[in-house]
């Protein structure tokens, strides 16, 4: 669920190389001309060190946010992961839809596609999201964008589909605001899997390659984490995308020999509480891997995925590490 663009917590984007080029995008803040209420920057965005900007919708890609990289950009094997771009791209793609359709106060992500061009740094580098709306109608729309380094190098390319929904409950908004008010202490400076409270992984085999299977196998559990809730009281779509990617990686015993090439997540229904992954390796070639992921809820024991319908279906494609 993506709320109207928020005000408190936003800052002017850093990086002198882009200051002049980005004058069409203004920092977030109270605006008397804005038809939407101002909300605090969400806790999920804060944990991933994301900042957002208000686009002007001038028909060209605009700078709509940034991601400060750090230890939270590392996967369980200590490698910088493009998965940490999921939250900033989910949010900034949505801001372009909001800018192009003033009557869409609340939207949800129905599909998010991430293409990982280059590995992300994890050294404090600030990456900038440039996005634009491609299609907008009364139901929602589609937008596209890139996550770029200070020199303009593209690290991630993304496409998102969004759908308009009704207003959220006051209780969910109150909880969202309480979480947003929490401080960013040292306990938040942790790798991605720790931040998402990932527990357990599938058993590895003696084989170099993962086993191709027709059915799904148990994947990791992501413990209940109220800090990842969006304004509608459901788990943030960017967080679910990162969970899907981590689960896909864990399905491969030789995962350190492969880089995530792309990840496509479909959001079927809201997710709440603990999240459990189940995975299926569809192809395990020497140069290309394909892993399907489903996220389900209501599970308390690691390695025992529920038989309930998934709320997220994802496809992860890997290629041999560069």
Protein backbone atom coordinates (compact mmCIF):
# COMPACT_ATOMS: atom_id res chain seq x y z
CA UNK A 1 0.00 0.00 0.00
CA UNK A 2 1.43 3.36 -0.93
CA UNK A 3 0.21 6.48 0.85
CA UNK A 4 0.22 10.04 -0.44
CA UNK A 5 3.71 11.51 -0.43
CA UNK A 6 4.91 12.28 3.07
CA UNK A 7 6.38 15.40 4.57
CA UNK A 8 8.21 14.98 7.91
CA UNK A 9 11.54 13.22 7.60
CA UNK A 10 12.18 14.18 3.98
CA UNK A 11 15.36 15.99 3.05
CA UNK A 12 16.79 17.74 0.06
CA UNK A 13 18.49 15.06 -2.08
CA UNK A 14 22.24 14.95 -1.80
CA UNK A 15 24.81 14.83 -4.56
CA UNK A 16 26.06 18.06 -6.12
CA UNK A 17 26.28 16.47 -9.56
CA UNK A 18 22.48 16.29 -9.72
CA UNK A 19 21.45 19.46 -7.89
CA UNK A 20 20.96 21.59 -10.98
CA UNK A 21 19.48 18.82 -13.09
CA UNK A 22 16.79 18.06 -10.55
CA UNK A 23 15.18 21.45 -10.06
CA UNK A 24 11.85 20.10 -11.35
CA UNK A 25 11.60 17.89 -8.25
CA UNK A 26 11.08 19.67 -4.95
CA UNK A 27 11.83 18.29 -1.46
CA UNK A 28 8.85 17.04 0.45
CA UNK A 29 7.14 19.37 2.86
CA UNK A 30 3.80 20.99 3.61
CA UNK A 31 2.36 22.52 0.47
CA UNK A 32 -0.83 24.59 0.47
CA UNK A 33 -1.41 23.61 -3.14
CA UNK A 34 -1.30 19.90 -2.40
CA UNK A 35 -4.70 18.18 -2.36
CA UNK A 36 -3.40 15.29 -0.28
CA UNK A 37 -2.84 15.19 3.49
CA UNK A 38 0.75 15.05 4.63
CA UNK A 39 1.82 11.82 6.32
CA UNK A 40 5.10 11.00 8.08
CA UNK A 41 7.71 9.05 6.19
CA UNK A 42 6.90 5.40 6.95
CA UNK A 43 8.95 3.22 9.26
CA UNK A 44 9.82 0.80 6.44
CA UNK A 45 11.20 3.68 4.39
CA UNK A 46 13.16 4.92 7.40
CA UNK A 47 14.66 1.48 8.07
CA UNK A 48 15.85 1.29 4.46
CA UNK A 49 17.14 4.90 4.60
CA UNK A 50 14.77 6.07 1.89
CA UNK A 51 13.80 9.69 1.24
CA UNK A 52 11.00 10.80 -1.07
CA UNK A 53 10.36 13.89 -3.20
CA UNK A 54 7.25 15.32 -4.76
CA UNK A 55 7.33 15.07 -8.59
CA UNK A 56 5.82 17.75 -10.82
CA UNK A 57 4.67 15.37 -13.58
CA UNK A 58 6.15 17.26 -16.51
CA UNK A 59 6.15 14.18 -18.77
CA UNK A 60 9.81 13.29 -18.27
CA UNK A 61 11.62 11.17 -15.66
CA UNK A 62 11.98 13.11 -12.42
CA UNK A 63 14.01 12.55 -9.31
CA UNK A 64 11.46 11.21 -6.85
CA UNK A 65 13.58 9.80 -4.04
CA UNK A 66 16.87 8.43 -2.81
CA UNK A 67 18.36 5.45 -0.99
CA UNK A 68 21.37 5.73 1.28
CA UNK A 69 23.21 2.42 1.13
CA UNK A 70 24.73 0.70 4.13
CA UNK A 71 24.86 -2.58 6.02
CA UNK A 72 21.10 -2.95 5.37
CA UNK A 73 22.05 -3.39 1.69
CA UNK A 74 23.86 -6.70 2.41
CA UNK A 75 22.33 -10.15 1.86
CA UNK A 76 22.79 -13.10 4.30
CA UNK A 77 26.08 -14.00 2.61
CA UNK A 78 27.47 -10.49 3.12
CA UNK A 79 27.11 -9.43 -0.51
CA UNK A 80 25.60 -6.08 -1.57
CA UNK A 81 22.08 -6.84 -2.77
CA UNK A 82 19.92 -5.02 -5.28
CA UNK A 83 16.94 -6.25 -3.25
CA UNK A 84 17.49 -3.29 -0.93
CA UNK A 85 16.20 -1.10 -3.79
CA UNK A 86 12.70 -2.60 -3.57
CA UNK A 87 11.28 -0.12 -1.05
CA UNK A 88 12.59 3.03 -2.72
CA UNK A 89 11.46 1.88 -6.17
CA UNK A 90 8.02 0.77 -4.95
CA UNK A 91 7.46 4.16 -3.33
CA UNK A 92 8.91 6.38 -6.03
CA UNK A 93 7.09 4.60 -8.84
CA UNK A 94 3.90 5.21 -6.87
CA UNK A 95 4.68 8.92 -6.42
CA UNK A 96 4.72 9.30 -10.20
CA UNK A 97 1.24 7.78 -10.38
CA UNK A 98 0.04 10.13 -7.64
CA UNK A 99 1.47 13.12 -9.48
CA UNK A 100 -0.22 12.16 -12.74
CA UNK A 101 -3.62 11.32 -11.19
CA UNK A 102 -4.69 13.78 -8.52
CA UNK A 103 -7.91 11.86 -7.83
CA UNK A 104 -6.08 8.66 -6.81
CA UNK A 105 -5.54 9.34 -3.11
CA UNK A 106 -4.61 5.77 -2.14
CA UNK A 107 -3.10 3.08 -4.34
CA UNK A 108 -1.69 -0.40 -3.88
CA UNK A 109 1.05 -2.11 -5.83
CA UNK A 110 -0.23 -5.03 -7.87
CA UNK A 111 3.03 -5.87 -9.66
CA UNK A 112 6.66 -4.83 -9.18
CA UNK A 113 9.45 -5.79 -11.59
CA UNK A 114 13.09 -5.15 -10.68
CA UNK A 115 15.95 -5.63 -13.14
CA UNK A 116 19.36 -5.59 -11.49
CA UNK A 117 21.87 -3.98 -13.83
CA UNK A 118 24.82 -3.52 -11.46
CA UNK A 119 25.42 -4.49 -7.83
CA UNK A 120 24.49 -1.87 -5.27
CA UNK A 121 27.21 -0.38 -3.08
CA UNK A 122 26.90 -0.71 0.70
CA UNK A 123 29.26 2.08 1.76
CA UNK A 124 26.93 5.02 2.38
CA UNK A 125 26.63 6.01 -1.27
CA UNK A 126 23.36 7.83 -1.97
CA UNK A 127 21.50 6.44 -4.98
CA UNK A 128 18.74 8.45 -6.67
CA UNK A 129 15.44 7.18 -8.08
CA UNK A 130 14.22 8.76 -11.33
CA UNK A 131 10.68 7.75 -12.28
CA UNK A 132 7.80 8.69 -14.58
CA UNK A 133 4.22 7.60 -15.17
CA UNK A 134 3.62 5.69 -18.40
CA UNK A 135 -0.10 4.93 -18.14
CA UNK A 136 -2.71 6.39 -15.80
CA UNK A 137 -6.48 5.85 -15.83
CA UNK A 138 -9.37 5.81 -13.37
CA UNK A 139 -8.29 2.41 -12.03
CA UNK A 140 -4.62 3.13 -11.41
CA UNK A 141 -1.62 3.02 -13.71
CA UNK A 142 1.91 1.94 -14.59
CA UNK A 143 5.20 3.74 -14.07
CA UNK A 144 8.85 3.06 -14.75
CA UNK A 145 12.15 4.24 -13.36
CA UNK A 146 15.78 3.68 -12.53
CA UNK A 147 17.99 3.82 -9.46
CA UNK A 148 21.20 5.66 -10.29
CA UNK A 149 24.55 6.36 -8.71
CA UNK A 150 26.00 9.87 -8.23
CA UNK A 151 27.59 9.67 -11.69
CA UNK A 152 24.37 8.58 -13.40
CA UNK A 153 25.27 4.89 -13.55
CA UNK A 154 22.09 2.79 -13.51
CA UNK A 155 22.03 0.06 -10.88
CA UNK A 156 18.37 -0.99 -11.00
CA UNK A 157 15.59 -0.58 -13.57
CA UNK A 158 12.01 -1.03 -12.44
CA UNK A 159 8.37 -1.12 -13.58
CA UNK A 160 5.36 -1.00 -11.29
CA UNK A 161 1.61 -1.44 -11.73
CA UNK A 162 -0.75 0.19 -9.24
CA UNK A 163 -4.46 0.10 -8.46
CA UNK A 164 -6.62 2.67 -6.68
CA UNK A 165 -8.28 1.62 -3.40
CA UNK A 166 -10.44 3.14 -0.69
CA UNK A 167 -9.24 5.06 2.33
CA UNK A 168 -7.57 3.26 5.21
CA UNK A 169 -8.82 2.92 8.79
CA UNK A 170 -7.90 5.42 11.49
CA UNK A 171 -6.47 2.62 13.66
CA UNK A 172 -4.09 1.54 10.88
CA UNK A 173 -3.00 5.14 10.32
CA UNK A 174 -2.42 5.66 14.05
CA UNK A 175 -0.22 2.56 14.17
CA UNK A 176 1.65 3.69 11.05
CA UNK A 177 2.32 7.07 12.68
CA UNK A 178 3.50 5.50 15.94
CA UNK A 179 5.96 3.28 14.09
CA UNK A 180 7.20 6.25 12.06
CA UNK A 181 7.99 8.12 15.27
CA UNK A 182 10.43 5.45 16.51
CA UNK A 183 14.12 6.47 16.54
CA UNK A 184 16.69 4.91 14.22
CA UNK A 185 19.00 3.45 16.84
CA UNK A 186 22.04 1.17 16.45
CA UNK A 187 19.73 -1.86 16.45
CA UNK A 188 18.48 -0.78 13.01
CA UNK A 189 21.96 -0.90 11.47
CA UNK A 190 21.77 -4.57 10.51
CA UNK A 191 21.89 -6.66 7.29
CA UNK A 192 18.76 -7.05 5.22
CA UNK A 193 17.78 -10.53 6.44
CA UNK A 194 18.06 -9.44 10.08
CA UNK A 195 15.96 -6.36 9.43
CA UNK A 196 13.28 -8.56 7.85
CA UNK A 197 13.58 -11.06 10.74
CA UNK A 198 14.35 -14.00 8.49
CA UNK A 199 14.55 -17.30 10.37
CA UNK A 200 15.68 -20.67 9.07
CA UNK A 201 16.59 -21.76 5.57
CA UNK A 202 15.85 -24.88 3.52
CA UNK A 203 18.17 -27.81 4.08
CA UNK A 204 21.10 -27.85 1.69
CA UNK A 205 22.13 -30.87 -0.35
CA UNK A 206 25.44 -32.38 -1.34
CA UNK A 207 24.84 -31.31 -4.93
CA UNK A 208 26.45 -28.25 -6.47
CA UNK A 209 23.16 -27.28 -8.04
CA UNK A 210 19.70 -26.94 -6.53
CA UNK A 211 17.23 -29.68 -7.30
CA UNK A 212 14.59 -28.88 -9.89
CA UNK A 213 11.16 -29.76 -8.56
CA UNK A 214 7.56 -29.70 -9.70
CA UNK A 215 6.22 -28.81 -6.27
CA UNK A 216 7.07 -26.13 -3.75
CA UNK A 217 9.44 -26.76 -0.89
CA UNK A 218 9.64 -25.10 2.54
CA UNK A 219 11.48 -21.80 2.64
CA UNK A 220 12.48 -19.35 5.37
CA UNK A 221 10.10 -17.73 7.84
CA UNK A 222 9.95 -13.96 8.32
CA UNK A 223 8.72 -13.29 11.85
CA UNK A 224 5.91 -10.85 12.55
CA UNK A 225 7.28 -7.30 12.43
CA UNK A 226 4.86 -4.44 13.00
CA UNK A 227 7.50 -1.94 11.87
CA UNK A 228 6.98 -3.15 8.29
CA UNK A 229 3.26 -2.32 8.21
CA UNK A 230 1.91 0.23 5.72
CA UNK A 231 -0.90 2.77 6.39
CA UNK A 232 -3.53 0.11 5.67
CA UNK A 233 -2.19 -2.27 8.30
CA UNK A 234 -0.57 -4.70 5.84
CA UNK A 235 3.08 -5.57 5.20
CA UNK A 236 4.79 -3.08 2.88
CA UNK A 237 5.03 -4.31 -0.72
CA UNK A 238 8.71 -3.42 -0.89
CA UNK A 239 9.37 -5.56 2.19
CA UNK A 240 7.47 -8.48 0.65
CA UNK A 241 9.53 -8.10 -2.52
CA UNK A 242 12.77 -8.29 -0.55
CA UNK A 243 11.49 -11.36 1.31
CA UNK A 244 10.70 -13.03 -2.02
CA UNK A 245 14.19 -12.39 -3.34
CA UNK A 246 15.92 -13.63 -0.19
CA UNK A 247 13.80 -16.79 -0.21
CA UNK A 248 14.71 -17.44 -3.84
CA UNK A 249 18.41 -17.10 -3.02
CA UNK A 250 18.14 -19.51 -0.11
CA UNK A 251 16.71 -22.16 -2.46
CA UNK A 252 20.14 -22.44 -4.14
CA UNK A 253 23.00 -24.11 -2.21
CA UNK A 254 25.48 -22.50 -4.62
CA UNK A 255 23.83 -19.06 -4.53
CA UNK A 256 27.10 -17.17 -4.05
CA UNK A 257 28.06 -18.19 -7.59
CA UNK A 258 25.00 -16.40 -9.01
CA UNK A 259 23.71 -12.84 -9.16
CA UNK A 260 20.04 -11.93 -9.09
CA UNK A 261 19.19 -10.78 -12.60
CA UNK A 262 15.52 -9.89 -12.17
CA UNK A 263 12.63 -10.28 -9.76
CA UNK A 264 8.93 -9.99 -10.57
CA UNK A 265 6.47 -9.91 -7.68
CA UNK A 266 2.67 -10.10 -7.97
CA UNK A 267 0.67 -8.91 -4.97
CA UNK A 268 -2.54 -10.93 -4.73
CA UNK A 269 -3.89 -9.92 -1.29
CA UNK A 270 -2.74 -8.05 1.83
CA UNK A 271 -0.19 -9.77 4.05
CA UNK A 272 -0.27 -9.54 7.84
CA UNK A 273 1.65 -11.19 10.64
CA UNK A 274 4.40 -13.75 10.10
CA UNK A 275 5.34 -14.53 6.51
CA UNK A 276 6.52 -17.93 5.31
CA UNK A 277 8.10 -18.62 1.92
CA UNK A 278 7.82 -21.73 -0.20
CA UNK A 279 10.08 -22.08 -3.23
CA UNK A 280 10.33 -24.11 -6.41
CA UNK A 281 13.41 -24.30 -8.60
CA UNK A 282 12.16 -24.41 -12.20
CA UNK A 283 15.51 -24.31 -13.96
CA UNK A 284 19.04 -24.91 -12.65
CA UNK A 285 21.39 -24.45 -15.59
CA UNK A 286 25.04 -23.52 -15.36
CA UNK A 287 24.47 -19.95 -16.47
CA UNK A 288 20.79 -19.36 -15.71
CA UNK A 289 18.54 -20.17 -12.75
CA UNK A 290 14.80 -19.62 -12.30
CA UNK A 291 13.14 -19.87 -8.88
CA UNK A 292 9.43 -19.43 -8.11
CA UNK A 293 8.42 -18.09 -4.71
CA UNK A 294 5.10 -17.95 -2.89
CA UNK A 295 4.61 -16.08 0.37
CA UNK A 296 1.92 -17.32 2.73
CA UNK A 297 0.91 -16.49 6.29
CA UNK A 298 -0.26 -18.13 9.47
CA UNK A 299 2.83 -20.27 10.07
CA UNK A 300 4.67 -20.53 13.38
CA UNK A 301 7.10 -23.39 12.67
CA UNK A 302 10.05 -22.95 10.32
CA UNK A 303 9.96 -25.41 7.44
CA UNK A 304 6.22 -26.05 7.58
CA UNK A 305 4.58 -23.78 4.98
CA UNK A 306 0.85 -23.34 5.23
CA UNK A 307 -1.46 -24.77 2.62
CA UNK A 308 -3.32 -21.46 2.40
CA UNK A 309 -3.45 -19.37 -0.74
CA UNK A 310 -0.42 -17.14 -1.30
CA UNK A 311 -0.60 -13.40 -1.00
CA UNK A 312 2.52 -12.93 -3.13
CA UNK A 313 3.77 -14.90 -6.12
CA UNK A 314 7.24 -14.08 -7.46
CA UNK A 315 9.72 -15.24 -10.08
CA UNK A 316 13.45 -14.72 -9.54
CA UNK A 317 15.96 -15.12 -12.35
CA UNK A 318 19.67 -15.57 -11.60
CA UNK A 319 22.71 -15.51 -13.85
CA UNK A 320 26.29 -16.58 -13.25
CA UNK A 321 28.13 -14.11 -11.03
CA UNK A 322 30.27 -11.55 -12.78
